[in-house]
Each structure stands twice: as structure tokens, then as C-alpha cells.
Amino acid sequence: MLDANGGSILTVSDVSVHFGGLLALDRVTFNVARGSRHGILGPNGAGKTTLFNVITGFVSTQAGIVRLNRNDISALSPHRRARLGLVRTFQITTLFKDLTVLENVLLGALVRLGHHRNALRAAREDSQAIALAYEQLEQLHLDHLADMPVQQVSYGEQRQLEIAVSLALDPQVLLLDEPTAGLSSAETHAVIDLIRNLPQSLTVVIIEHDLEVVFQLADHLTVLHYGRRIADGLTQEVREDPVVREVYLGTD
């Protein structure tokens, strides 16, 4: 899908991945429009996580190209891609639970400011880094947790914090890997509200098992099945696609 102003910010072209004799992705192609909310759907084993790993550089492809802002990033490391603005959260939280909420966001701010992550001690007295970290917490209404150790906040708040850490990196494209996995209904609604309120200039790509979450958030969907793209289009169109309904929703 292309937008009227900037076209596709992220392009996946004919990507294939093999793990031994298993074909995990088979010539997958799709575009993500700048500023869109793009959902990636598919049953277990469809290739969704492998696709995220390819986009972010954690898995190499046997064929195909990944482009960010029309530039081929296929050979770049995950760190280089993150520095270019391609930032990912993980299905299982990757926070430093012995640090405070603020200190976790500070780590993201340090990378954004070009400092080494080991400079956390100095950053605690760096007014610019602290201001950036507090700004992210305030925007997501998490500033009241700033001084709490992460291990003392709820799992739902940790998932929101992970997004705050990602935003501190100043991403162009934010990839959310099952942001509501393991959350209660109330926590899920809080995360949905958080994602809805992200800046419209930010492109968001979401893997999510909960169909209703994706349907609420995404304006465009790509559906995978056994590593192949079986549908790609506006959310309402894909919801009504008979192939998708049969394969993913279990209806005909």
C-alpha cells in the first residue's frame, strides 16, 4: 500500500527463508505505508515471527530484499537497522528488571544520543538524557512509575514500558511483537489506548494473535499462511476475504 505523501517507508520484496528443509517464508512481498498502522496476521507457524526477524536483521534471507526508505538494508545488522529508525519490541519483555522504570528508558535515550549503553551511571546525571526519558514516560502516562524498580510494576505496565523504551530510540518504524500477549482485559485495553495515541507520523507494524486487537488498531493487514502471503489490503477488505476467513478464522 502507498500513501499520497511519502509512499512506502518499508518494503519486503520476494523474501524467502529456509531452516534446513523447512520453508519458513516463501517469496513474501508487501509494502508498509508511511504513517500507517499495519497488522501481520496468521495462525501459529505461519511465519510471522520469522518475518519480523528478517525485517529487523535477526534472521538472514536466502532470497529477497528488505528496504527502509527505499534503501536496501538486507545486509545490515539489527543494531544498524535500529540506528536507521527500525525498532522492535519482543513478545517476551526484554527489560532490565533490576533497574528503575526511568533507567530503562534512559538506556534508549542513551542510544538515541549516541552514547554507549554502559554509560548509564553518567547518564543518571545527564540532564538531556533524563529529559528525553521523562518525556517518553509522560507521553505514555507512566511518569508516576519513574522511580520504581521494573520488577515491582505489573506485567501490563512492563509491556507499556517496553514501548516507551522503544520510543526513546526515536524510531521511524516501530514493530510490536504481540504487545498484548499474556495481558488481562483491562491491561489489553490500556495497551490499545497507548498504541492509538502514538504520533501519527510514526509507522507501526503489529504482530498480534488477538484478532480484535489488530482489527481495532490496523488500517492495513498482511496475512501469512505456511510462510506464504495469502492476503494483503485494507483491514475491512481482508476481514471479508473468504480465503482468510477459511484459513485463519475457521469459517467459510
Protein backbone atom coordinates (compact mmCIF):
# COMPACT_ATOMS: atom_id res chain seq x y z
CA MET A 1 0.00 0.00 0.00
CA LEU A 2 1.23 3.50 -0.84
CA ASP A 3 0.27 6.75 0.80
CA ALA A 4 -0.25 10.00 -1.06
CA ASN A 5 2.61 11.88 0.56
CA GLY A 6 5.57 9.63 1.12
CA GLY A 7 4.91 6.21 -0.42
CA SER A 8 6.17 3.09 1.31
CA ILE A 9 8.57 3.51 4.20
CA LEU A 10 9.20 -0.25 4.48
CA THR A 11 9.25 -2.73 1.60
CA VAL A 12 9.64 -6.50 1.74
CA SER A 13 10.30 -7.99 -1.71
CA ASP A 14 10.25 -11.71 -2.58
CA VAL A 15 11.71 -12.76 0.78
CA SER A 16 12.34 -16.48 1.31
CA VAL A 17 13.79 -18.18 4.38
CA HIS A 18 14.69 -21.86 4.83
CA PHE A 19 15.52 -23.60 8.11
CA GLY A 20 17.02 -26.86 6.92
CA GLY A 21 14.25 -28.49 4.91
CA LEU A 22 11.57 -26.17 6.29
CA LEU A 23 10.42 -23.31 4.09
CA ALA A 24 9.52 -20.67 6.69
CA LEU A 25 8.86 -17.81 4.25
CA ASP A 26 8.11 -18.26 0.57
CA ARG A 27 8.60 -15.20 -1.66
CA VAL A 28 6.76 -12.86 0.70
CA THR A 29 6.17 -9.36 -0.68
CA PHE A 30 4.35 -6.38 0.81
CA ASN A 31 4.69 -2.63 1.41
CA VAL A 32 4.11 -0.63 4.59
CA ALA A 33 2.88 2.92 4.03
CA ARG A 34 4.47 5.80 5.90
CA GLY A 35 2.41 6.67 8.99
CA SER A 36 0.21 3.58 8.71
CA ARG A 37 -0.84 1.01 11.30
CA HIS A 38 -0.03 -2.30 9.57
CA GLY A 39 -1.01 -5.67 11.04
CA ILE A 40 0.66 -9.01 10.30
CA LEU A 41 -1.74 -11.93 10.84
CA GLY A 42 -1.58 -15.69 10.53
CA PRO A 43 -2.06 -18.89 12.52
CA ASN A 44 0.74 -20.44 14.58
CA GLY A 45 3.59 -21.46 12.30
CA ALA A 46 2.56 -19.04 9.57
CA GLY A 47 5.93 -17.27 9.62
CA LYS A 48 5.03 -14.04 11.40
CA THR A 49 7.90 -14.02 13.89
CA THR A 50 10.37 -15.15 11.23
CA LEU A 51 9.21 -12.23 9.10
CA PHE A 52 9.81 -9.79 11.96
CA ASN A 53 13.25 -11.35 12.49
CA VAL A 54 14.06 -10.83 8.82
CA ILE A 55 12.89 -7.22 8.82
CA THR A 56 14.94 -6.40 11.92
CA GLY A 57 18.04 -8.35 10.88
CA PHE A 58 17.97 -11.24 13.36
CA VAL A 59 17.46 -13.80 10.56
CA SER A 60 19.15 -13.76 7.15
CA THR A 61 17.22 -14.50 3.97
CA GLN A 62 18.06 -16.96 1.23
CA ALA A 63 16.38 -14.64 -1.25
CA GLY A 64 14.70 -11.26 -1.36
CA ILE A 65 15.29 -7.69 -0.21
CA VAL A 66 14.17 -5.53 2.71
CA ARG A 67 14.16 -1.77 2.10
CA LEU A 68 13.74 1.13 4.52
CA ASN A 69 13.07 4.48 2.86
CA ARG A 70 13.92 2.79 -0.47
CA ASN A 71 17.39 1.84 0.78
CA ASP A 72 18.39 -1.84 0.80
CA ILE A 73 19.06 -2.79 4.44
CA SER A 74 19.15 -6.56 3.89
CA ALA A 75 22.83 -6.89 4.83
CA LEU A 76 22.74 -4.59 7.87
CA SER A 77 22.95 -5.79 11.48
CA PRO A 78 20.00 -5.35 13.88
CA HIS A 79 21.91 -2.53 15.59
CA ARG A 80 22.48 -0.66 12.31
CA ARG A 81 18.82 -1.03 11.39
CA ALA A 82 17.77 0.31 14.78
CA ARG A 83 20.04 3.32 14.32
CA LEU A 84 18.28 3.97 11.00
CA GLY A 85 14.92 4.03 12.79
CA LEU A 86 13.68 0.42 12.58
CA VAL A 87 12.90 -0.50 16.20
CA ARG A 88 11.28 -3.63 17.58
CA THR A 89 9.68 -4.82 20.81
CA PHE A 90 9.63 -8.52 21.63
CA GLN A 91 6.84 -10.94 22.55
CA ILE A 92 8.64 -11.59 25.84
CA THR A 93 9.73 -8.42 27.62
CA THR A 94 13.44 -7.64 27.43
CA LEU A 95 13.57 -5.03 30.19
CA PHE A 96 16.26 -4.73 32.87
CA LYS A 97 14.13 -5.62 35.86
CA ASP A 98 16.70 -4.66 38.50
CA LEU A 99 16.73 -1.08 37.15
CA THR A 100 14.02 1.53 37.63
CA VAL A 101 11.42 2.40 35.03
CA LEU A 102 13.24 5.67 34.29
CA GLU A 103 16.62 3.96 33.97
CA ASN A 104 15.24 1.53 31.39
CA VAL A 105 14.01 4.42 29.26
CA LEU A 106 17.35 6.16 29.83
CA LEU A 107 19.05 3.26 28.06
CA GLY A 108 17.01 4.03 24.95
CA ALA A 109 17.74 7.74 25.27
CA LEU A 110 21.48 6.99 25.53
CA VAL A 111 21.45 5.14 22.22
CA ARG A 112 19.47 7.98 20.64
CA LEU A 113 22.07 10.49 21.86
CA GLY A 114 24.94 8.36 20.56
CA HIS A 115 26.25 7.20 23.95
CA HIS A 116 27.36 3.69 24.86
CA ARG A 117 24.84 1.73 26.90
CA ASN A 118 27.48 1.22 29.62
CA ALA A 119 27.36 4.95 30.26
CA LEU A 120 24.17 4.58 32.32
CA ARG A 121 25.86 5.75 35.50
CA ALA A 122 26.93 9.01 33.87
CA ALA A 123 23.54 9.36 32.18
CA ARG A 124 21.82 9.48 35.56
CA GLU A 125 23.33 12.98 35.80
CA ASP A 126 22.88 13.85 32.11
CA SER A 127 20.04 16.38 32.05
CA GLN A 128 19.40 15.94 28.32
CA ALA A 129 19.07 12.15 28.56
CA ILE A 130 16.89 12.39 31.67
CA ALA A 131 14.64 14.96 29.99
CA LEU A 132 14.18 12.68 26.96
CA ALA A 133 13.39 9.71 29.20
CA TYR A 134 10.86 11.64 31.31
CA GLU A 135 9.25 13.00 28.14
CA GLN A 136 8.57 9.47 26.90
CA LEU A 137 7.16 8.39 30.26
CA GLU A 138 4.92 11.47 30.45
CA GLN A 139 3.61 10.94 26.91
CA LEU A 140 2.58 7.40 27.81
CA HIS A 141 1.28 8.38 31.28
CA LEU A 142 3.90 6.23 33.01
CA ASP A 143 5.82 9.03 34.73
CA HIS A 144 4.31 8.14 38.13
CA LEU A 145 6.28 4.87 37.93
CA ALA A 146 9.62 6.52 37.11
CA ASP A 147 11.45 5.64 40.33
CA MET A 148 10.02 2.14 40.78
CA PRO A 149 12.14 -0.95 40.02
CA VAL A 150 10.71 -2.67 36.97
CA GLN A 151 10.28 -5.92 38.90
CA GLN A 152 7.73 -4.15 41.12
CA VAL A 153 5.41 -2.92 38.36
CA SER A 154 2.69 -5.06 36.79
CA TYR A 155 3.25 -7.12 33.66
CA GLY A 156 0.85 -4.87 31.74
CA GLU A 157 2.84 -1.81 32.78
CA GLN A 158 6.04 -3.58 31.73
CA ARG A 159 4.61 -4.08 28.23
CA GLN A 160 3.78 -0.38 28.07
CA LEU A 161 7.25 0.45 29.37
CA GLU A 162 8.82 -1.62 26.61
CA ILE A 163 7.08 0.63 24.10
CA ALA A 164 8.36 3.69 25.97
CA VAL A 165 11.93 2.35 25.75
CA SER A 166 11.46 1.80 22.01
CA LEU A 167 10.12 5.32 21.53
CA ALA A 168 13.17 6.74 23.31
CA LEU A 169 15.18 5.43 20.34
CA ASP A 170 13.23 7.83 18.09
CA PRO A 171 12.01 5.19 15.60
CA GLN A 172 10.62 5.81 12.14
CA VAL A 173 9.06 2.34 12.15
CA LEU A 174 8.01 0.62 15.39
CA LEU A 175 7.47 -3.14 15.18
CA LEU A 176 5.32 -4.52 18.00
CA ASP A 177 5.58 -8.27 18.61
CA GLU A 178 2.32 -9.37 20.27
CA PRO A 179 2.06 -6.31 22.54
CA THR A 180 -0.97 -7.69 24.42
CA ALA A 181 0.26 -11.27 24.90
CA GLY A 182 -0.47 -12.52 28.42
CA LEU A 183 -2.39 -9.41 29.45
CA SER A 184 -5.72 -9.16 31.24
CA SER A 185 -8.66 -7.48 29.53
CA ALA A 186 -8.02 -4.20 31.39
CA GLU A 187 -4.30 -4.30 30.58
CA THR A 188 -5.07 -5.05 26.92
CA HIS A 189 -7.34 -2.00 26.71
CA ALA A 190 -4.58 0.14 28.25
CA VAL A 191 -2.06 -1.02 25.64
CA ILE A 192 -4.58 -0.48 22.83
CA ASP A 193 -5.16 3.08 24.03
CA LEU A 194 -1.40 3.65 24.24
CA ILE A 195 -0.85 2.47 20.65
CA ARG A 196 -3.80 4.51 19.39
CA ASN A 197 -2.25 7.63 20.88
CA LEU A 198 1.18 7.17 19.31
CA PRO A 199 2.17 10.01 16.93
CA GLN A 200 0.54 9.72 13.52
CA SER A 201 3.93 10.37 11.93
CA LEU A 202 5.18 7.08 13.41
CA THR A 203 4.70 3.94 11.31
CA VAL A 204 3.60 0.95 13.41
CA VAL A 205 3.72 -2.71 12.36
CA ILE A 206 1.97 -5.18 14.67
CA ILE A 207 2.05 -8.95 15.09
CA GLU A 208 -0.83 -9.93 17.34
CA HIS A 209 -2.70 -13.20 17.98
CA ASP A 210 -5.77 -11.36 19.27
CA LEU A 211 -7.74 -10.60 16.12
CA GLU A 212 -9.91 -7.99 17.79
CA VAL A 213 -6.83 -6.06 18.87
CA VAL A 214 -5.49 -6.00 15.31
CA PHE A 215 -8.87 -5.11 13.86
CA GLN A 216 -9.11 -2.15 16.25
CA LEU A 217 -5.61 -0.85 15.55
CA ALA A 218 -4.61 -1.71 11.97
CA ASP A 219 -5.69 0.12 8.85
CA HIS A 220 -3.92 -2.41 6.62
CA LEU A 221 -3.34 -6.16 7.01
CA THR A 222 -0.97 -8.73 5.55
CA VAL A 223 -1.94 -12.36 6.20
CA LEU A 224 0.50 -15.28 6.12
CA HIS A 225 -0.22 -19.00 5.93
CA TYR A 226 2.54 -21.63 5.87
CA GLY A 227 5.05 -18.92 5.01
CA ARG A 228 3.13 -17.50 2.07
CA ARG A 229 1.21 -14.25 1.79
CA ILE A 230 -2.42 -15.13 1.17
CA ALA A 231 -3.94 -11.66 1.57
CA ASP A 232 -2.87 -8.03 1.71
CA GLY A 233 -5.11 -4.99 1.80
CA LEU A 234 -7.27 -2.67 3.85
CA THR A 235 -8.41 -4.18 7.13
CA GLN A 236 -12.10 -4.42 6.26
CA GLU A 237 -11.33 -5.99 2.87
CA VAL A 238 -9.08 -8.62 4.43
CA ARG A 239 -11.61 -9.39 7.18
CA GLU A 240 -14.15 -10.23 4.48
CA ASP A 241 -11.74 -12.22 2.27
CA PRO A 242 -13.16 -15.78 2.00
CA VAL A 243 -9.69 -17.37 1.89
CA VAL A 244 -8.66 -15.57 5.08
CA ARG A 245 -11.91 -16.48 6.81
CA GLU A 246 -11.47 -20.15 5.92
CA VAL A 247 -7.75 -20.42 6.73
CA TYR A 248 -7.43 -18.10 9.70
CA LEU A 249 -10.88 -17.59 11.15
CA GLY A 250 -12.06 -21.15 10.52
CA THR A 251 -15.20 -20.12 8.65
CA ASP A 252 -16.37 -20.35 5.08
